[in-house]
């Protein structure tokens, strides 16, 4: 039974990694995922969790502002873990859930220039970018090299 739980529990955690959203507190995240990894040598304004993914582990990172609210959340595979499209899409969908139906949400095309938090950027060839600047959310899925997906608030680009 212990062996079965050690297999099922991490799998359940992967399925729930997408349920976090920008603006949550560390206490809310701990209630959902338990305690993050120990803070050795990391910024005390951040937290990291590892989840079992498809053929390896996924790293989930969160950066908090001075008020204790998350202003950046990212997910990426560790080493050679698979990073399936549905895992990334679940992460993106949950981040955008509060803004469903917003007329200001935009999906950018590779090569398209955009401005977020006063910074001008260009959507890369291997990126998918969704933003809603009036609602303060930018999501970038980088599919090149070591893939990752990150959701950020303007505050993250302007400093904590």
Protein backbone atom coordinates (compact mmCIF):
# COMPACT_ATOMS: atom_id res chain seq x y z
CA UNK A 1 0.00 0.00 0.00
CA UNK A 2 2.84 2.41 0.84
CA UNK A 3 4.38 1.75 -2.59
CA UNK A 4 1.07 2.41 -4.31
CA UNK A 5 0.64 5.70 -2.42
CA UNK A 6 4.19 6.75 -3.30
CA UNK A 7 3.25 6.34 -6.95
CA UNK A 8 -0.26 7.81 -6.82
CA UNK A 9 0.43 10.86 -4.62
CA UNK A 10 3.08 12.44 -6.86
CA UNK A 11 0.89 11.75 -9.90
CA UNK A 12 -2.00 13.57 -8.23
CA UNK A 13 0.27 16.50 -7.45
CA UNK A 14 1.17 16.84 -11.13
CA UNK A 15 -2.49 16.95 -12.03
CA UNK A 16 -3.01 19.84 -9.60
CA UNK A 17 0.04 21.93 -10.47
CA UNK A 18 -2.03 23.98 -12.84
CA UNK A 19 -4.47 25.00 -10.11
CA UNK A 20 -2.30 27.79 -8.73
CA UNK A 21 -2.78 31.36 -9.91
CA UNK A 22 -0.94 34.63 -9.75
CA UNK A 23 -1.91 36.56 -6.65
CA UNK A 24 -2.05 33.58 -4.29
CA UNK A 25 -0.18 33.50 -0.99
CA UNK A 26 2.40 31.02 0.23
CA UNK A 27 -0.13 29.73 2.76
CA UNK A 28 -2.62 28.97 -0.03
CA UNK A 29 0.06 27.17 -2.03
CA UNK A 30 1.23 25.19 1.03
CA UNK A 31 -2.35 24.09 1.67
CA UNK A 32 -2.52 22.74 -1.86
CA UNK A 33 1.00 21.34 -2.35
CA UNK A 34 2.41 21.01 1.18
CA UNK A 35 5.68 22.68 2.12
CA UNK A 36 8.02 23.81 -0.66
CA UNK A 37 11.60 22.59 -0.87
CA UNK A 38 13.95 23.95 1.82
CA UNK A 39 15.16 27.50 1.15
CA UNK A 40 18.92 26.78 1.06
CA UNK A 41 20.62 29.63 -0.87
CA UNK A 42 17.41 30.90 -2.48
CA UNK A 43 15.67 34.22 -2.29
CA UNK A 44 13.34 34.12 0.74
CA UNK A 45 10.70 35.74 -1.49
CA UNK A 46 10.40 32.58 -3.55
CA UNK A 47 9.33 28.97 -3.20
CA UNK A 48 10.00 25.83 -5.22
CA UNK A 49 8.14 22.52 -5.48
CA UNK A 50 9.01 19.36 -7.43
CA UNK A 51 6.27 17.26 -8.99
CA UNK A 52 6.43 13.94 -10.78
CA UNK A 53 5.63 14.47 -14.43
CA UNK A 54 5.69 12.34 -17.55
CA UNK A 55 8.98 10.48 -17.38
CA UNK A 56 10.62 12.82 -14.85
CA UNK A 57 10.13 15.73 -12.50
CA UNK A 58 8.67 19.18 -13.09
CA UNK A 59 9.92 22.24 -11.20
CA UNK A 60 7.26 24.73 -10.10
CA UNK A 61 8.63 28.08 -8.90
CA UNK A 62 6.81 31.02 -7.37
CA UNK A 63 8.08 34.53 -6.62
CA UNK A 64 6.25 36.66 -4.04
CA UNK A 65 6.06 40.42 -3.57
CA UNK A 66 6.51 42.22 -0.23
CA UNK A 67 2.79 41.66 0.55
CA UNK A 68 3.26 37.90 0.15
CA UNK A 69 1.30 37.57 -3.12
CA UNK A 70 2.69 35.60 -6.03
CA UNK A 71 3.86 37.81 -8.90
CA UNK A 72 5.53 35.11 -11.00
CA UNK A 73 4.83 31.40 -11.38
CA UNK A 74 6.74 29.08 -13.64
CA UNK A 75 6.80 25.44 -14.60
CA UNK A 76 9.55 23.54 -16.39
CA UNK A 77 10.84 20.00 -16.74
CA UNK A 78 13.87 18.90 -14.75
CA UNK A 79 16.65 17.26 -16.74
CA UNK A 80 15.09 15.03 -19.40
CA UNK A 81 11.51 14.97 -18.16
CA UNK A 82 8.79 15.26 -20.76
CA UNK A 83 6.81 18.51 -20.83
CA UNK A 84 3.56 17.64 -22.60
CA UNK A 85 1.46 20.26 -24.32
CA UNK A 86 -1.59 19.43 -22.16
CA UNK A 87 0.38 20.12 -18.95
CA UNK A 88 1.43 23.51 -20.30
CA UNK A 89 -2.07 24.29 -21.56
CA UNK A 90 -3.56 23.44 -18.15
CA UNK A 91 -1.11 25.88 -16.53
CA UNK A 92 -2.02 28.61 -19.05
CA UNK A 93 -5.77 27.99 -18.76
CA UNK A 94 -5.72 28.25 -14.97
CA UNK A 95 -3.74 31.48 -15.07
CA UNK A 96 -6.23 32.96 -17.54
CA UNK A 97 -9.38 31.63 -15.84
CA UNK A 98 -10.16 34.90 -13.99
CA UNK A 99 -10.02 36.77 -17.31
CA UNK A 100 -12.21 34.50 -19.44
CA UNK A 101 -14.22 36.68 -21.79
CA UNK A 102 -11.87 39.65 -21.36
CA UNK A 103 -11.75 41.71 -24.55
CA UNK A 104 -8.18 42.76 -23.71
CA UNK A 105 -6.60 39.26 -23.76
CA UNK A 106 -4.32 38.87 -26.76
CA UNK A 107 -2.44 35.92 -28.23
CA UNK A 108 0.68 37.07 -30.03
CA UNK A 109 2.32 35.64 -33.12
CA UNK A 110 6.04 34.91 -33.42
CA UNK A 111 7.86 38.11 -34.37
CA UNK A 112 5.08 40.34 -33.04
CA UNK A 113 6.18 43.21 -30.81
CA UNK A 114 4.30 43.96 -27.60
CA UNK A 115 4.56 46.12 -24.49
CA UNK A 116 3.97 44.84 -20.98
CA UNK A 117 4.79 46.69 -17.75
CA UNK A 118 6.38 49.46 -19.80
CA UNK A 119 8.84 47.04 -21.43
CA UNK A 120 8.80 46.44 -25.17
CA UNK A 121 9.41 42.82 -26.16
CA UNK A 122 9.07 40.58 -29.21
CA UNK A 123 7.40 37.18 -29.30
CA UNK A 124 10.16 34.71 -30.20
CA UNK A 125 9.93 32.12 -32.95
CA UNK A 126 9.69 29.29 -30.40
CA UNK A 127 7.38 31.13 -28.01
CA UNK A 128 3.67 31.34 -27.40
CA UNK A 129 2.69 34.57 -25.68
CA UNK A 130 -0.68 35.46 -24.18
CA UNK A 131 -1.14 38.75 -22.40
CA UNK A 132 -3.82 40.89 -20.86
CA UNK A 133 -2.03 44.07 -19.87
CA UNK A 134 -5.07 45.85 -18.38
CA UNK A 135 -5.59 42.84 -16.10
CA UNK A 136 -1.85 42.56 -15.38
CA UNK A 137 -0.97 39.11 -16.69
CA UNK A 138 1.66 37.94 -19.19
CA UNK A 139 2.21 34.26 -19.99
CA UNK A 140 5.16 33.06 -22.05
CA UNK A 141 5.63 29.46 -23.16
CA UNK A 142 9.16 28.91 -24.42
CA UNK A 143 9.37 25.72 -26.48
CA UNK A 144 13.07 25.89 -27.41
CA UNK A 145 16.01 24.31 -25.59
CA UNK A 146 14.85 23.67 -22.05
CA UNK A 147 11.11 24.41 -22.37
CA UNK A 148 9.27 26.41 -19.72
CA UNK A 149 6.10 28.36 -19.12
CA UNK A 150 5.87 31.42 -16.90
CA UNK A 151 3.07 33.73 -15.83
CA UNK A 152 3.99 37.15 -14.45
CA UNK A 153 2.44 40.32 -13.09
CA UNK A 154 3.82 43.73 -14.18
CA UNK A 155 5.40 44.10 -10.73
CA UNK A 156 7.83 41.29 -11.56
CA UNK A 157 9.35 43.30 -14.40
CA UNK A 158 9.36 46.51 -12.37
CA UNK A 159 11.07 44.96 -9.33
CA UNK A 160 9.48 43.75 -6.09
